[in-house]
Amino acid sequence: MRDELVKLGIDTAVLDADSALLAKLGDYLPSAIFPAIHGSCGEDGSIREVLGLLRIPYVGSIPSACRAAFDKPTAKSLMAAAGVATPTSATLPRETFHDLGASAVVDLIVARLGLPLYVKPSRGGSSLGAGAVRSAADLSAALLSCFAYGEIALIEQFVRGTEVAVGVLDLGDGPHALPAVEIVPGEHGYDYSARYTAGQTEFYVPARLSASAAREVADAALTAHSVLGLRDLSRTDLILDEEGTAYFLEANVSPGMTETSTFPLALEASGHHFGEACLKLIEIAVARGA
């Protein structure tokens, strides 16, 4: 992103969210910030709370919306209430397995949700601590991996189908869904390596969907953007099953902006210039601040 903004003549600086950040912001006095951090600091609303305290305009959603989107069970509940399908699931903290007996709880999960399953931390991203479970014997190990990245596990029925990411962009004329990006990972699935290593995942833009399916995933992404109270840009991850039902998986308030990210691919496919779109979002943020 920085290189594209520099090409447009914009003075930019890349700052890390560390103990030197506040001092650097005081020295730099930016007109606006474009948060591009992944993980809890960048997606749970905390960095935006700090920017609000500093009265520095920023691109993206307000803290309360970030919190709603970052907590996957909360986002699932809000989307289900809005009429969007989500995989049947159970949300359980680590203590439940300790207090009630891990073996008994694991057996109950398999009996009620069936197999295969997908386990992931309730808060987090980049597929860290997440993975598919195809046998009851593998569920305990998957939960241990999950709890290495968070205290609460979201355990969902595994939905087979086409995985798509749908970006939403609002350049001042209301939110619009970008073309869906179809994600075809390698044999190990769409894990951390597949997300950030060029060549490990195939992307089709626009996704190879029928017109009606493309409309359904676009509508689901726009619903997520609206229901969760998101602003400026977002990305919604979905699975389209064989019957054509779009299942909401999660929403992201800080879409990736690298060469292996779906949001820039969708921008290009929609006819937007990546740098110019980023600049417009920054200008909107500056205007909000004024």
Foldseek 3Di string as FASTA:
>chain_A
DVVLQVVVVDDDDDDDPDPCVVVVCVVVVDLEEEQQDFWCCRQQQPVQVVCVVVLHFYFKFHNQLSNCQQQQVSLQVLLVVVVAAAFDKDKFFPVCCVPVPVVVVLVVCCVVQNDWKKKAARGHDQQQLIDIRGDSVCPVVSVVRRVVPHGMMIIGHDADAWKWKWKWACLPPDIFIFQIKTKAADPRPSHNCRQPPPPRIDIDVNDPDDPVLRVQVRVSVSCSCVSSVMDGMKMWMWGQHPVSRTHTRGITGNFHDDPSTDPVVRCVSRPHDVSVSVVSSSVVSSVVSD
